[in-house]
Amino acid sequence: MYSVLINRDAQKYVDSLTEKSRRLVKKKLEMLKDNPHPGRADKKKLQLPNYDLFRMHVSRSYTIFYRIYEEEKTVKVLNIMTIEEAHKKYGML
């Protein structure tokens, strides 16, 4: 089992969502505890020059960006945004 740590800005974003969206995002974050690695269509590994970044879609509405630290059995959530925002910001990924 992995621990999931959420960046402060990502947590503020989740807190600002509607109750339904917040519940969906939190459910997906809980799933990262059991298995943060890709294997399903909603998770993907993005290889950046210096490290691996992972993304997970939430209900075709939001994207969660995170890193996996195997040594500590920790997942660090770096950013959460709408899929549209993610395409604009990380379009090249």
Protein backbone atom coordinates (compact mmCIF):
# COMPACT_ATOMS: atom_id res chain seq x y z
CA MET A 1 0.00 0.00 0.00
CA TYR A 2 1.25 3.48 -0.93
CA SER A 3 0.79 6.74 0.97
CA VAL A 4 -0.66 9.56 -1.09
CA LEU A 5 0.59 13.10 -0.47
CA ILE A 6 -1.22 15.97 -2.16
CA ASN A 7 0.40 19.27 -3.09
CA ARG A 8 -1.18 22.20 -1.27
CA ASP A 9 -2.37 23.89 -4.49
CA ALA A 10 -3.85 20.62 -5.74
CA GLN A 11 -5.71 20.22 -2.43
CA LYS A 12 -7.08 23.78 -2.73
CA TYR A 13 -8.28 22.94 -6.22
CA VAL A 14 -10.07 19.81 -5.00
CA ASP A 15 -11.65 21.79 -2.15
CA SER A 16 -13.01 24.31 -4.67
CA LEU A 17 -14.87 21.68 -6.74
CA THR A 18 -18.53 20.86 -6.49
CA GLU A 19 -19.43 18.12 -4.04
CA LYS A 20 -19.94 15.55 -6.81
CA SER A 21 -16.64 16.36 -8.54
CA ARG A 22 -14.79 16.41 -5.23
CA ARG A 23 -16.17 12.96 -4.40
CA LEU A 24 -15.08 11.57 -7.80
CA VAL A 25 -11.57 13.01 -7.52
CA LYS A 26 -11.14 11.75 -3.95
CA LYS A 27 -12.26 8.28 -5.00
CA LYS A 28 -9.58 8.21 -7.71
CA LEU A 29 -6.96 9.50 -5.27
CA GLU A 30 -7.87 6.64 -2.92
CA MET A 31 -7.29 4.18 -5.77
CA LEU A 32 -3.68 5.38 -6.03
CA LYS A 33 -3.02 3.87 -2.60
CA ASP A 34 -3.51 0.36 -3.94
CA ASN A 35 -1.95 0.68 -7.38
CA PRO A 36 -0.53 3.93 -8.79
CA HIS A 37 1.06 2.24 -11.81
CA PRO A 38 -0.41 2.34 -15.31
CA GLY A 39 -2.25 -0.67 -16.55
CA ARG A 40 -5.69 0.73 -17.15
CA ALA A 41 -6.65 3.27 -19.79
CA ASP A 42 -7.15 6.03 -17.21
CA LYS A 43 -3.44 5.99 -16.13
CA LYS A 44 -0.45 6.76 -18.30
CA LYS A 45 3.28 7.16 -17.78
CA LEU A 46 4.73 10.33 -19.34
CA GLN A 47 8.50 10.21 -19.73
CA LEU A 48 10.06 13.61 -19.18
CA PRO A 49 13.79 14.30 -19.60
CA ASN A 50 14.63 14.11 -15.87
CA TYR A 51 11.91 11.92 -14.35
CA ASP A 52 8.73 9.98 -14.98
CA LEU A 53 5.43 11.75 -14.53
CA PHE A 54 2.13 9.91 -14.36
CA ARG A 55 -1.33 11.14 -15.21
CA MET A 56 -4.72 9.73 -14.38
CA HIS A 57 -8.03 10.86 -15.84
CA VAL A 58 -11.05 11.30 -13.61
CA SER A 59 -14.45 10.84 -15.30
CA ARG A 60 -13.28 12.46 -18.52
CA SER A 61 -13.35 15.78 -16.69
CA TYR A 62 -10.15 16.09 -14.64
CA THR A 63 -6.52 15.04 -14.83
CA ILE A 64 -4.32 14.19 -11.86
CA PHE A 65 -0.55 14.48 -12.35
CA TYR A 66 1.62 12.56 -9.90
CA ARG A 67 4.98 10.93 -9.27
CA ILE A 68 5.71 7.56 -7.69
CA TYR A 69 8.51 7.15 -5.18
CA GLU A 70 9.01 3.40 -4.88
CA GLU A 71 11.61 3.59 -2.10
CA GLU A 72 9.18 5.33 0.24
CA LYS A 73 6.06 3.64 -1.18
CA THR A 74 4.69 7.15 -1.72
CA VAL A 75 2.65 8.85 -4.43
CA LYS A 76 2.99 12.63 -4.62
CA VAL A 77 0.12 14.40 -6.36
CA LEU A 78 1.59 17.46 -8.07
CA ASN A 79 -1.37 18.96 -9.87
CA ILE A 80 -5.06 18.47 -10.56
CA MET A 81 -6.86 20.32 -13.33
CA THR A 82 -9.54 19.92 -15.96
CA ILE A 83 -8.61 17.84 -18.97
CA GLU A 84 -8.89 20.97 -21.12
CA GLU A 85 -6.43 22.85 -18.88
CA ALA A 86 -4.07 19.87 -18.97
CA HIS A 87 -4.12 19.80 -22.78
CA LYS A 88 -3.35 23.51 -22.94
CA LYS A 89 -0.57 23.35 -20.34
CA TYR A 90 0.93 19.99 -21.28
CA GLY A 91 -0.22 19.73 -24.88
CA MET A 92 3.06 18.23 -25.96
CA LEU A 93 2.66 15.31 -23.56
